[in-house]
């Protein structure tokens, strides 16, 4: 009898759910909102987004939760022991799962997607940054690094650079005119007002500047270049610390670079990260992170899954572009 699994990748921008058989053939997919118990309005809201995506995937597959033989969740916000306790308990109850779910931090799920032996480093730069390492069964990840280097941080730094330039506190930058055009404002004061007035633009609106600052850095703007390379150095150092915590030698180590920010065609951020990891080998534009969750679910069945097969199945499911296909201009 063919066994079936559920795979979920939950982040701040979106949550993706996939139902597949043990041969990694996709039977159903679903999409929801923020699945991060810290990033959503509440843990309940995040769990609701996960449950909604799963419900759609199961309906498309024509299955009930009891028909699943394994389930794996790669989630932003799975950080502390109490988080795993909450997620394990609530996912079982809300989804009616028969087998105990596998729950990992999204950095470790991304690593499973890009490293055949689930060994190495994952550097995730999406809305926020997540870094994880695994070596000889030991794992390490931190969900709350003191320095942020995701798309939100890139966008925030870019906006600050515009304000500094206008006030004479920083160098002139093409980011100013690009920001004015992006948000439809005439100058820096109007831009600052748009973000800081009561009822103004929310924090997430600043994320739209992330691809803009990367574009400007590629064009040689010194202010933008320093922002992007500064975040790259942060990510690289965080990865190096993670490797040290699990005793992973950098020489030959696989480094999975993933998340929406790394979907941008620029190589600057990735190159800066890797400069902090001498001897390591970068994997960029690899399988989507949800493939890691799928492989972890197959691992639970004792099936030797292949990332390339999983990625291929995900990218061609139902003869259409998958909802998780990266956009080069999205953080």
C-alpha atoms as a PDB file:
ATOM      1  CA  UNK A   1       0.000   0.000   0.000  1.00  0.00           C
ATOM      2  CA  UNK A   2       1.372   3.410  -0.950  1.00  0.00           C
ATOM      3  CA  UNK A   3       2.250   5.569   2.027  1.00  0.00           C
ATOM      4  CA  UNK A   4       1.595   9.302   2.090  1.00  0.00           C
ATOM      5  CA  UNK A   5       3.327  12.161   3.849  1.00  0.00           C
ATOM      6  CA  UNK A   6       2.784  15.799   4.696  1.00  0.00           C
ATOM      7  CA  UNK A   7       5.534  18.412   4.388  1.00  0.00           C
ATOM      8  CA  UNK A   8       5.213  22.012   5.594  1.00  0.00           C
ATOM      9  CA  UNK A   9       7.599  24.940   5.300  1.00  0.00           C
ATOM     10  CA  UNK A  10       6.428  27.874   7.415  1.00  0.00           C
ATOM     11  CA  UNK A  11       8.002  31.314   7.285  1.00  0.00           C
ATOM     12  CA  UNK A  12       7.043  34.929   7.819  1.00  0.00           C
ATOM     13  CA  UNK A  13       6.088  35.640   4.231  1.00  0.00           C
ATOM     14  CA  UNK A  14       4.177  32.434   3.592  1.00  0.00           C
ATOM     15  CA  UNK A  15       3.485  28.868   4.631  1.00  0.00           C
ATOM     16  CA  UNK A  16       3.610  26.053   2.082  1.00  0.00           C
ATOM     17  CA  UNK A  17       2.138  22.593   2.554  1.00  0.00           C
ATOM     18  CA  UNK A  18       2.660  19.561   0.323  1.00  0.00           C
ATOM     19  CA  UNK A  19       1.063  16.132   0.433  1.00  0.00           C
ATOM     20  CA  UNK A  20       3.059  13.504  -1.446  1.00  0.00           C
ATOM     21  CA  UNK A  21       3.449   9.767  -1.722  1.00  0.00           C
ATOM     22  CA  UNK A  22       6.591   7.867  -0.725  1.00  0.00           C
ATOM     23  CA  UNK A  23       7.981   8.303  -4.232  1.00  0.00           C
ATOM     24  CA  UNK A  24       7.829  12.099  -3.761  1.00  0.00           C
ATOM     25  CA  UNK A  25       4.949  12.404  -6.227  1.00  0.00           C
ATOM     26  CA  UNK A  26       2.993  15.506  -5.239  1.00  0.00           C
ATOM     27  CA  UNK A  27      -0.694  14.849  -4.547  1.00  0.00           C
ATOM     28  CA  UNK A  28      -1.743  18.239  -3.217  1.00  0.00           C
ATOM     29  CA  UNK A  29      -0.401  21.661  -2.279  1.00  0.00           C
ATOM     30  CA  UNK A  30      -1.605  24.498  -0.099  1.00  0.00           C
ATOM     31  CA  UNK A  31      -0.481  27.975   0.797  1.00  0.00           C
ATOM     32  CA  UNK A  32      -1.110  30.120   3.847  1.00  0.00           C
ATOM     33  CA  UNK A  33       0.135  33.244   5.592  1.00  0.00           C
ATOM     34  CA  UNK A  34       2.759  33.710   8.283  1.00  0.00           C
ATOM     35  CA  UNK A  35       3.524  30.430  10.041  1.00  0.00           C
ATOM     36  CA  UNK A  36       6.048  31.871  12.524  1.00  0.00           C
ATOM     37  CA  UNK A  37       4.667  31.799  16.078  1.00  0.00           C
ATOM     38  CA  UNK A  38       6.766  34.884  16.833  1.00  0.00           C
ATOM     39  CA  UNK A  39       6.177  36.735  13.582  1.00  0.00           C
ATOM     40  CA  UNK A  40       2.412  36.319  13.322  1.00  0.00           C
ATOM     41  CA  UNK A  41      -0.035  38.327  15.406  1.00  0.00           C
ATOM     42  CA  UNK A  42      -0.121  35.456  17.896  1.00  0.00           C
ATOM     43  CA  UNK A  43       0.905  31.779  18.066  1.00  0.00           C
ATOM     44  CA  UNK A  44      -2.735  30.946  17.413  1.00  0.00           C
ATOM     45  CA  UNK A  45      -2.678  32.981  14.200  1.00  0.00           C
ATOM     46  CA  UNK A  46       0.479  31.215  13.019  1.00  0.00           C
ATOM     47  CA  UNK A  47      -0.969  27.801  13.790  1.00  0.00           C
ATOM     48  CA  UNK A  48      -4.130  28.819  11.951  1.00  0.00           C
ATOM     49  CA  UNK A  49      -2.087  29.708   8.865  1.00  0.00           C
ATOM     50  CA  UNK A  50      -0.341  26.338   8.996  1.00  0.00           C
ATOM     51  CA  UNK A  51      -3.619  24.484   9.471  1.00  0.00           C
ATOM     52  CA  UNK A  52      -5.189  26.392   6.590  1.00  0.00           C
ATOM     53  CA  UNK A  53      -2.378  25.508   4.181  1.00  0.00           C
ATOM     54  CA  UNK A  54      -2.493  21.866   5.265  1.00  0.00           C
ATOM     55  CA  UNK A  55      -6.267  21.730   4.854  1.00  0.00           C
ATOM     56  CA  UNK A  56      -6.000  22.948   1.255  1.00  0.00           C
ATOM     57  CA  UNK A  57      -3.241  20.445   0.438  1.00  0.00           C
ATOM     58  CA  UNK A  58      -5.182  17.547   1.931  1.00  0.00           C
ATOM     59  CA  UNK A  59      -8.365  18.543   0.113  1.00  0.00           C
ATOM     60  CA  UNK A  60      -6.500  18.701  -3.195  1.00  0.00           C
ATOM     61  CA  UNK A  61      -5.033  15.277  -2.485  1.00  0.00           C
ATOM     62  CA  UNK A  62      -8.457  13.934  -1.523  1.00  0.00           C
ATOM     63  CA  UNK A  63      -7.169  12.676   1.812  1.00  0.00           C
ATOM     64  CA  UNK A  64      -8.040  12.915   5.483  1.00  0.00           C
ATOM     65  CA  UNK A  65      -5.291  13.563   8.072  1.00  0.00           C
ATOM     66  CA  UNK A  66      -5.633   9.991   9.337  1.00  0.00           C
ATOM     67  CA  UNK A  67      -4.380   8.763   5.946  1.00  0.00           C
ATOM     68  CA  UNK A  68      -0.963  10.332   6.490  1.00  0.00           C
ATOM     69  CA  UNK A  69       1.904   8.077   7.494  1.00  0.00           C
ATOM     70  CA  UNK A  70       4.369  10.836   8.385  1.00  0.00           C
ATOM     71  CA  UNK A  71       4.445  14.605   8.710  1.00  0.00           C
ATOM     72  CA  UNK A  72       7.338  17.044   8.906  1.00  0.00           C
ATOM     73  CA  UNK A  73       7.305  20.760   9.647  1.00  0.00           C
ATOM     74  CA  UNK A  74      10.222  23.105   8.959  1.00  0.00           C
ATOM     75  CA  UNK A  75       9.205  26.288  10.751  1.00  0.00           C
ATOM     76  CA  UNK A  76      10.497  29.739  11.469  1.00  0.00           C
ATOM     77  CA  UNK A  77       9.862  30.365  15.145  1.00  0.00           C
ATOM     78  CA  UNK A  78      10.721  26.809  16.211  1.00  0.00           C
ATOM     79  CA  UNK A  79      13.480  28.135  18.426  1.00  0.00           C
ATOM     80  CA  UNK A  80      13.230  27.233  22.105  1.00  0.00           C
ATOM     81  CA  UNK A  81      12.278  23.964  23.868  1.00  0.00           C
ATOM     82  CA  UNK A  82       8.873  25.368  24.808  1.00  0.00           C
ATOM     83  CA  UNK A  83       8.278  26.257  21.158  1.00  0.00           C
ATOM     84  CA  UNK A  84       8.762  22.650  20.109  1.00  0.00           C
ATOM     85  CA  UNK A  85       6.467  21.473  22.901  1.00  0.00           C
ATOM     86  CA  UNK A  86       3.780  23.910  21.777  1.00  0.00           C
ATOM     87  CA  UNK A  87       4.132  23.075  18.104  1.00  0.00           C
ATOM     88  CA  UNK A  88       4.190  19.315  18.632  1.00  0.00           C
ATOM     89  CA  UNK A  89       1.076  19.418  20.805  1.00  0.00           C
ATOM     90  CA  UNK A  90      -0.927  21.922  18.779  1.00  0.00           C
ATOM     91  CA  UNK A  91      -0.087  20.488  15.368  1.00  0.00           C
ATOM     92  CA  UNK A  92      -1.216  17.035  16.459  1.00  0.00           C
ATOM     93  CA  UNK A  93      -4.467  18.343  17.912  1.00  0.00           C
ATOM     94  CA  UNK A  94      -5.393  20.868  15.243  1.00  0.00           C
ATOM     95  CA  UNK A  95      -4.502  18.713  12.274  1.00  0.00           C
ATOM     96  CA  UNK A  96      -5.590  15.369  13.685  1.00  0.00           C
ATOM     97  CA  UNK A  97      -2.248  13.777  12.891  1.00  0.00           C
ATOM     98  CA  UNK A  98      -1.895  10.088  13.594  1.00  0.00           C
ATOM     99  CA  UNK A  99       1.927   9.855  13.573  1.00  0.00           C
ATOM    100  CA  UNK A 100       3.971  12.192  15.810  1.00  0.00           C
ATOM    101  CA  UNK A 101       5.181  15.087  13.652  1.00  0.00           C
ATOM    102  CA  UNK A 102       8.806  15.938  12.955  1.00  0.00           C
ATOM    103  CA  UNK A 103       9.335  19.614  13.823  1.00  0.00           C
ATOM    104  CA  UNK A 104      12.595  21.433  13.065  1.00  0.00           C
ATOM    105  CA  UNK A 105      13.748  25.013  12.798  1.00  0.00           C
ATOM    106  CA  UNK A 106      13.478  26.293   9.237  1.00  0.00           C
ATOM    107  CA  UNK A 107      17.262  26.626   8.923  1.00  0.00           C
ATOM    108  CA  UNK A 108      17.666  22.897   9.542  1.00  0.00           C
ATOM    109  CA  UNK A 109      14.859  22.079   7.127  1.00  0.00           C
ATOM    110  CA  UNK A 110      16.603  24.154   4.473  1.00  0.00           C
ATOM    111  CA  UNK A 111      19.828  22.296   5.181  1.00  0.00           C
ATOM    112  CA  UNK A 112      18.089  18.945   4.648  1.00  0.00           C
ATOM    113  CA  UNK A 113      16.924  20.183   1.248  1.00  0.00           C
ATOM    114  CA  UNK A 114      20.387  21.191   0.095  1.00  0.00           C
ATOM    115  CA  UNK A 115      22.677  18.665   1.763  1.00  0.00           C
ATOM    116  CA  UNK A 116      22.255  14.973   0.896  1.00  0.00           C
ATOM    117  CA  UNK A 117      23.725  13.868   4.221  1.00  0.00           C
ATOM    118  CA  UNK A 118      21.956  16.598   6.220  1.00  0.00           C
ATOM    119  CA  UNK A 119      25.382  17.872   7.214  1.00  0.00           C
ATOM    120  CA  UNK A 120      26.722  21.379   6.803  1.00  0.00           C
ATOM    121  CA  UNK A 121      25.381  24.897   7.196  1.00  0.00           C
ATOM    122  CA  UNK A 122      22.229  26.669   6.108  1.00  0.00           C
ATOM    123  CA  UNK A 123      22.133  30.438   5.774  1.00  0.00           C
ATOM    124  CA  UNK A 124      18.553  31.575   5.313  1.00  0.00           C
ATOM    125  CA  UNK A 125      17.877  35.193   4.405  1.00  0.00           C
ATOM    126  CA  UNK A 126      14.161  35.691   4.021  1.00  0.00           C
ATOM    127  CA  UNK A 127      12.156  38.285   5.890  1.00  0.00           C
ATOM    128  CA  UNK A 128      14.569  37.587   8.747  1.00  0.00           C
ATOM    129  CA  UNK A 129      17.760  35.533   8.947  1.00  0.00           C
ATOM    130  CA  UNK A 130      18.071  31.994  10.253  1.00  0.00           C
ATOM    131  CA  UNK A 131      21.324  30.077  10.529  1.00  0.00           C
ATOM    132  CA  UNK A 132      21.678  26.391  11.321  1.00  0.00           C
ATOM    133  CA  UNK A 133      24.393  23.749  11.420  1.00  0.00           C
ATOM    134  CA  UNK A 134      24.368  19.970  11.657  1.00  0.00           C
ATOM    135  CA  UNK A 135      27.339  17.623  11.990  1.00  0.00           C
ATOM    136  CA  UNK A 136      27.495  14.029  13.205  1.00  0.00           C
ATOM    137  CA  UNK A 137      24.003  14.276  14.638  1.00  0.00           C
ATOM    138  CA  UNK A 138      24.675  17.507  16.538  1.00  0.00           C
ATOM    139  CA  UNK A 139      22.613  20.556  15.651  1.00  0.00           C
ATOM    140  CA  UNK A 140      22.801  24.248  16.445  1.00  0.00           C
ATOM    141  CA  UNK A 141      20.605  27.158  15.498  1.00  0.00           C
ATOM    142  CA  UNK A 142      19.725  30.530  16.963  1.00  0.00           C
ATOM    143  CA  UNK A 143      16.459  32.230  16.203  1.00  0.00           C
ATOM    144  CA  UNK A 144      17.332  35.519  17.848  1.00  0.00           C
ATOM    145  CA  UNK A 145      20.778  36.653  16.756  1.00  0.00           C
ATOM    146  CA  UNK A 146      21.763  40.072  18.131  1.00  0.00           C
ATOM    147  CA  UNK A 147      22.323  41.340  14.570  1.00  0.00           C
ATOM    148  CA  UNK A 148      19.644  40.939  11.915  1.00  0.00           C
ATOM    149  CA  UNK A 149      20.487  40.382   8.263  1.00  0.00           C
ATOM    150  CA  UNK A 150      17.283  39.421   6.472  1.00  0.00           C
ATOM    151  CA  UNK A 151      15.265  41.310   3.895  1.00  0.00           C
ATOM    152  CA  UNK A 152      13.576  43.408   6.566  1.00  0.00           C
ATOM    153  CA  UNK A 153      16.930  44.553   7.903  1.00  0.00           C
ATOM    154  CA  UNK A 154      18.227  45.362   4.419  1.00  0.00           C
ATOM    155  CA  UNK A 155      15.132  47.430   3.713  1.00  0.00           C
ATOM    156  CA  UNK A 156      15.318  49.218   7.039  1.00  0.00           C
ATOM    157  CA  UNK A 157      18.998  50.084   6.562  1.00  0.00           C
ATOM    158  CA  UNK A 158      18.271  51.383   3.063  1.00  0.00           C
ATOM    159  CA  UNK A 159      15.528  53.691   4.350  1.00  0.00           C
ATOM    160  CA  UNK A 160      17.775  54.944   7.123  1.00  0.00           C
ATOM    161  CA  UNK A 161      20.453  55.716   4.551  1.00  0.00           C
ATOM    162  CA  UNK A 162      17.949  57.871   2.653  1.00  0.00           C
ATOM    163  CA  UNK A 163      17.078  59.827   5.794  1.00  0.00           C
ATOM    164  CA  UNK A 164      20.752  60.258   6.733  1.00  0.00           C
ATOM    165  CA  UNK A 165      21.619  61.518   3.267  1.00  0.00           C
ATOM    166  CA  UNK A 166      18.856  64.123   3.419  1.00  0.00           C
ATOM    167  CA  UNK A 167      19.947  65.354   6.856  1.00  0.00           C
ATOM    168  CA  UNK A 168      23.619  65.485   5.931  1.00  0.00           C
ATOM    169  CA  UNK A 169      24.437  62.655   8.315  1.00  0.00           C
ATOM    170  CA  UNK A 170      25.467  60.207   5.583  1.00  0.00           C
ATOM    171  CA  UNK A 171      26.682  60.023   2.028  1.00  0.00           C
ATOM    172  CA  UNK A 172      24.561  60.764  -1.011  1.00  0.00           C
ATOM    173  CA  UNK A 173      23.069  57.646  -2.559  1.00  0.00           C
ATOM    174  CA  UNK A 174      20.916  56.595  -5.497  1.00  0.00           C
ATOM    175  CA  UNK A 175      18.727  54.884  -2.918  1.00  0.00           C
ATOM    176  CA  UNK A 176      17.043  58.242  -2.315  1.00  0.00           C
ATOM    177  CA  UNK A 177      15.529  58.677  -5.772  1.00  0.00           C
ATOM    178  CA  UNK A 178      14.738  54.965  -6.000  1.00  0.00           C
ATOM    179  CA  UNK A 179      12.910  55.045  -2.682  1.00  0.00           C
ATOM    180  CA  UNK A 180      10.942  58.160  -3.656  1.00  0.00           C
ATOM    181  CA  UNK A 181       9.845  56.445  -6.869  1.00  0.00           C
ATOM    182  CA  UNK A 182       9.001  53.178  -5.112  1.00  0.00           C
ATOM    183  CA  UNK A 183       6.767  54.783  -2.488  1.00  0.00           C
ATOM    184  CA  UNK A 184       5.438  57.647  -4.596  1.00  0.00           C
ATOM    185  CA  UNK A 185       6.750  60.502  -2.443  1.00  0.00           C
ATOM    186  CA  UNK A 186       8.606  63.701  -3.450  1.00  0.00           C
ATOM    187  CA  UNK A 187      11.396  63.725  -0.876  1.00  0.00           C
ATOM    188  CA  UNK A 188      12.936  62.198   2.246  1.00  0.00           C
ATOM    189  CA  UNK A 189      10.751  64.137   4.651  1.00  0.00           C
ATOM    190  CA  UNK A 190       7.610  62.848   2.953  1.00  0.00           C
ATOM    191  CA  UNK A 191       9.044  59.329   3.011  1.00  0.00           C
ATOM    192  CA  UNK A 192       9.819  59.543   6.720  1.00  0.00           C
ATOM    193  CA  UNK A 193       6.331  60.907   7.361  1.00  0.00           C
ATOM    194  CA  UNK A 194       4.767  58.055   5.384  1.00  0.00           C
ATOM    195  CA  UNK A 195       6.445  55.495   7.638  1.00  0.00           C
ATOM    196  CA  UNK A 196       6.282  57.233  11.013  1.00  0.00           C
ATOM    197  CA  UNK A 197       2.960  59.060  11.102  1.00  0.00           C
ATOM    198  CA  UNK A 198       0.070  57.574  13.005  1.00  0.00           C
ATOM    199  CA  UNK A 199      -1.643  55.098  10.721  1.00  0.00           C
ATOM    200  CA  UNK A 200       1.256  55.226   8.278  1.00  0.00           C
ATOM    201  CA  UNK A 201       3.013  52.474   6.373  1.00  0.00           C
ATOM    202  CA  UNK A 202       3.659  49.337   8.381  1.00  0.00           C
ATOM    203  CA  UNK A 203       7.091  47.875   9.045  1.00  0.00           C
ATOM    204  CA  UNK A 204       6.603  45.226   6.373  1.00  0.00           C
ATOM    205  CA  UNK A 205       6.337  47.922   3.688  1.00  0.00           C
ATOM    206  CA  UNK A 206      10.033  48.590   4.203  1.00  0.00           C
ATOM    207  CA  UNK A 207      10.762  45.075   2.936  1.00  0.00           C
ATOM    208  CA  UNK A 208      10.173  46.380  -0.575  1.00  0.00           C
ATOM    209  CA  UNK A 209      13.486  48.221  -0.371  1.00  0.00           C
ATOM    210  CA  UNK A 210      15.507  45.016   0.007  1.00  0.00           C
ATOM    211  CA  UNK A 211      15.794  44.235  -3.730  1.00  0.00           C
ATOM    212  CA  UNK A 212      16.257  47.947  -4.419  1.00  0.00           C
ATOM    213  CA  UNK A 213      19.347  48.181  -2.204  1.00  0.00           C
ATOM    214  CA  UNK A 214      20.816  45.030  -3.759  1.00  0.00           C
ATOM    215  CA  UNK A 215      20.240  46.440  -7.245  1.00  0.00           C
ATOM    216  CA  UNK A 216      21.921  49.706  -6.223  1.00  0.00           C
ATOM    217  CA  UNK A 217      24.890  47.849  -4.759  1.00  0.00           C
ATOM    218  CA  UNK A 218      25.304  45.909  -7.994  1.00  0.00           C
ATOM    219  CA  UNK A 219      25.308  49.234  -9.827  1.00  0.00           C
ATOM    220  CA  UNK A 220      28.217  50.408  -7.668  1.00  0.00           C
ATOM    221  CA  UNK A 221      26.522  52.761  -5.227  1.00  0.00           C
ATOM    222  CA  UNK A 222      28.919  52.881  -2.246  1.00  0.00           C
ATOM    223  CA  UNK A 223      26.248  53.373   0.414  1.00  0.00           C
ATOM    224  CA  UNK A 224      24.183  50.456  -0.876  1.00  0.00           C
ATOM    225  CA  UNK A 225      27.290  48.319  -1.262  1.00  0.00           C
ATOM    226  CA  UNK A 226      28.232  48.837   2.367  1.00  0.00           C
ATOM    227  CA  UNK A 227      24.714  47.893   3.492  1.00  0.00           C
ATOM    228  CA  UNK A 228      24.682  44.652   1.487  1.00  0.00           C
ATOM    229  CA  UNK A 229      28.236  43.601   2.294  1.00  0.00           C
ATOM    230  CA  UNK A 230      27.730  44.495   5.945  1.00  0.00           C
ATOM    231  CA  UNK A 231      24.765  42.124   6.138  1.00  0.00           C
ATOM    232  CA  UNK A 232      26.747  39.475   4.255  1.00  0.00           C
ATOM    233  CA  UNK A 233      29.547  39.655   6.802  1.00  0.00           C
ATOM    234  CA  UNK A 234      27.024  39.262   9.606  1.00  0.00           C
ATOM    235  CA  UNK A 235      25.504  36.172   7.989  1.00  0.00           C
ATOM    236  CA  UNK A 236      28.914  34.653   7.320  1.00  0.00           C
ATOM    237  CA  UNK A 237      30.093  35.174  10.881  1.00  0.00           C
ATOM    238  CA  UNK A 238      26.892  33.732  12.279  1.00  0.00           C
ATOM    239  CA  UNK A 239      27.391  30.673  10.077  1.00  0.00           C
ATOM    240  CA  UNK A 240      31.008  30.315  11.199  1.00  0.00           C
ATOM    241  CA  UNK A 241      29.949  30.399  14.852  1.00  0.00           C
ATOM    242  CA  UNK A 242      27.267  27.790  14.148  1.00  0.00           C
ATOM    243  CA  UNK A 243      29.858  25.509  12.535  1.00  0.00           C
ATOM    244  CA  UNK A 244      32.115  25.870  15.557  1.00  0.00           C
ATOM    245  CA  UNK A 245      29.281  24.952  17.930  1.00  0.00           C
ATOM    246  CA  UNK A 246      28.801  21.562  16.275  1.00  0.00           C
ATOM    247  CA  UNK A 247      32.468  20.903  15.500  1.00  0.00           C
ATOM    248  CA  UNK A 248      31.961  21.174  11.741  1.00  0.00           C
ATOM    249  CA  UNK A 249      35.203  21.790   9.803  1.00  0.00           C
ATOM    250  CA  UNK A 250      34.726  24.481   7.186  1.00  0.00           C
ATOM    251  CA  UNK A 251      36.924  22.793   4.595  1.00  0.00           C
ATOM    252  CA  UNK A 252      34.550  21.208   2.100  1.00  0.00           C
ATOM    253  CA  UNK A 253      31.467  21.935   4.210  1.00  0.00           C
ATOM    254  CA  UNK A 254      28.217  22.426   2.287  1.00  0.00           C
ATOM    255  CA  UNK A 255      26.654  25.874   2.805  1.00  0.00           C
ATOM    256  CA  UNK A 256      23.047  26.125   1.659  1.00  0.00           C
ATOM    257  CA  UNK A 257      22.195  29.738   0.811  1.00  0.00           C
ATOM    258  CA  UNK A 258      18.452  30.111   0.588  1.00  0.00           C
ATOM    259  CA  UNK A 259      15.506  32.395   1.256  1.00  0.00           C
ATOM    260  CA  UNK A 260      13.965  35.139  -0.837  1.00  0.00           C
ATOM    261  CA  UNK A 261      16.921  37.514  -0.537  1.00  0.00           C
ATOM    262  CA  UNK A 262      19.267  34.940  -2.045  1.00  0.00           C
ATOM    263  CA  UNK A 263      16.751  34.564  -4.867  1.00  0.00           C
ATOM    264  CA  UNK A 264      17.948  37.922  -6.170  1.00  0.00           C
ATOM    265  CA  UNK A 265      20.296  37.399  -9.150  1.00  0.00           C
ATOM    266  CA  UNK A 266      23.110  39.406  -7.524  1.00  0.00           C
ATOM    267  CA  UNK A 267      26.111  37.426  -6.256  1.00  0.00           C
ATOM    268  CA  UNK A 268      27.339  40.163  -3.904  1.00  0.00           C
ATOM    269  CA  UNK A 269      25.592  39.006  -0.733  1.00  0.00           C
ATOM    270  CA  UNK A 270      26.452  35.343  -1.300  1.00  0.00           C
ATOM    271  CA  UNK A 271      30.081  36.119  -2.109  1.00  0.00           C
ATOM    272  CA  UNK A 272      30.422  38.199   1.046  1.00  0.00           C
ATOM    273  CA  UNK A 273      28.942  35.404   3.158  1.00  0.00           C
ATOM    274  CA  UNK A 274      31.302  32.840   1.696  1.00  0.00           C
ATOM    275  CA  UNK A 275      34.343  35.078   2.233  1.00  0.00           C
ATOM    276  CA  UNK A 276      33.747  34.525   5.952  1.00  0.00           C
ATOM    277  CA  UNK A 277      33.709  30.727   5.461  1.00  0.00           C
ATOM    278  CA  UNK A 278      37.044  29.827   3.829  1.00  0.00           C
ATOM    279  CA  UNK A 279      37.097  26.383   2.287  1.00  0.00           C
ATOM    280  CA  UNK A 280      33.349  25.877   2.435  1.00  0.00           C
ATOM    281  CA  UNK A 281      31.278  25.158  -0.683  1.00  0.00           C
ATOM    282  CA  UNK A 282      28.191  27.222  -1.473  1.00  0.00           C
ATOM    283  CA  UNK A 283      24.943  25.819  -2.810  1.00  0.00           C
ATOM    284  CA  UNK A 284      22.636  28.523  -4.163  1.00  0.00           C
ATOM    285  CA  UNK A 285      19.396  28.208  -6.113  1.00  0.00           C
ATOM    286  CA  UNK A 286      19.028  24.641  -4.858  1.00  0.00           C
ATOM    287  CA  UNK A 287      15.816  22.780  -3.989  1.00  0.00           C
ATOM    288  CA  UNK A 288      13.109  24.912  -2.335  1.00  0.00           C
ATOM    289  CA  UNK A 289      13.067  24.710   1.465  1.00  0.00           C
ATOM    290  CA  UNK A 290       9.784  22.800   1.450  1.00  0.00           C
ATOM    291  CA  UNK A 291      11.723  19.963  -0.206  1.00  0.00           C
ATOM    292  CA  UNK A 292      13.657  19.659   3.045  1.00  0.00           C
ATOM    293  CA  UNK A 293      10.440  19.094   4.969  1.00  0.00           C
ATOM    294  CA  UNK A 294       9.404  16.499   2.396  1.00  0.00           C
ATOM    295  CA  UNK A 295      12.700  14.661   2.757  1.00  0.00           C
ATOM    296  CA  UNK A 296      12.401  14.719   6.554  1.00  0.00           C
ATOM    297  CA  UNK A 297       8.941  13.168   6.281  1.00  0.00           C
ATOM    298  CA  UNK A 298      10.327  10.477   3.982  1.00  0.00           C
ATOM    299  CA  UNK A 299      13.191   9.939   6.428  1.00  0.00           C
ATOM    300  CA  UNK A 300      10.584   9.148   9.079  1.00  0.00           C
ATOM    301  CA  UNK A 301       9.256   6.392   6.807  1.00  0.00           C
ATOM    302  CA  UNK A 302      12.753   5.017   6.276  1.00  0.00           C
ATOM    303  CA  UNK A 303      12.630   6.013   2.614  1.00  0.00           C
ATOM    304  CA  UNK A 304      15.901   7.196   1.090  1.00  0.00           C
ATOM    305  CA  UNK A 305      14.607  10.368  -0.535  1.00  0.00           C
ATOM    306  CA  UNK A 306      16.547  12.355  -3.109  1.00  0.00           C
ATOM    307  CA  UNK A 307      16.525  16.160  -3.018  1.00  0.00           C
ATOM    308  CA  UNK A 308      16.699  16.460  -6.793  1.00  0.00           C
ATOM    309  CA  UNK A 309      13.738  14.121  -7.247  1.00  0.00           C
ATOM    310  CA  UNK A 310      11.771  15.974  -4.578  1.00  0.00           C
ATOM    311  CA  UNK A 311      12.593  19.362  -6.090  1.00  0.00           C
ATOM    312  CA  UNK A 312      11.661  18.146  -9.553  1.00  0.00           C
ATOM    313  CA  UNK A 313       8.337  16.824  -8.338  1.00  0.00           C
ATOM    314  CA  UNK A 314       7.588  20.060  -6.531  1.00  0.00           C
ATOM    315  CA  UNK A 315       8.501  22.241  -9.497  1.00  0.00           C
ATOM    316  CA  UNK A 316       6.351  20.330 -11.963  1.00  0.00           C
ATOM    317  CA  UNK A 317       3.394  19.371  -9.807  1.00  0.00           C
ATOM    318  CA  UNK A 318       0.092  19.718 -11.608  1.00  0.00           C
ATOM    319  CA  UNK A 319       1.814  21.067 -14.710  1.00  0.00           C
ATOM    320  CA  UNK A 320       2.082  24.617 -13.395  1.00  0.00           C
ATOM    321  CA  UNK A 321       4.635  26.885 -11.800  1.00  0.00           C
ATOM    322  CA  UNK A 322       4.721  26.147  -8.086  1.00  0.00           C
ATOM    323  CA  UNK A 323       3.558  28.774  -5.623  1.00  0.00           C
ATOM    324  CA  UNK A 324       6.948  28.625  -3.922  1.00  0.00           C
ATOM    325  CA  UNK A 325       8.934  29.519  -7.075  1.00  0.00           C
ATOM    326  CA  UNK A 326      11.389  32.248  -6.043  1.00  0.00           C
ATOM    327  CA  UNK A 327      11.091  35.732  -7.422  1.00  0.00           C
ATOM    328  CA  UNK A 328      14.360  37.537  -8.132  1.00  0.00           C
ATOM    329  CA  UNK A 329      12.873  40.798  -6.976  1.00  0.00           C
ATOM    330  CA  UNK A 330      11.290  39.681  -3.726  1.00  0.00           C
ATOM    331  CA  UNK A 331      12.753  39.604  -0.267  1.00  0.00           C
END
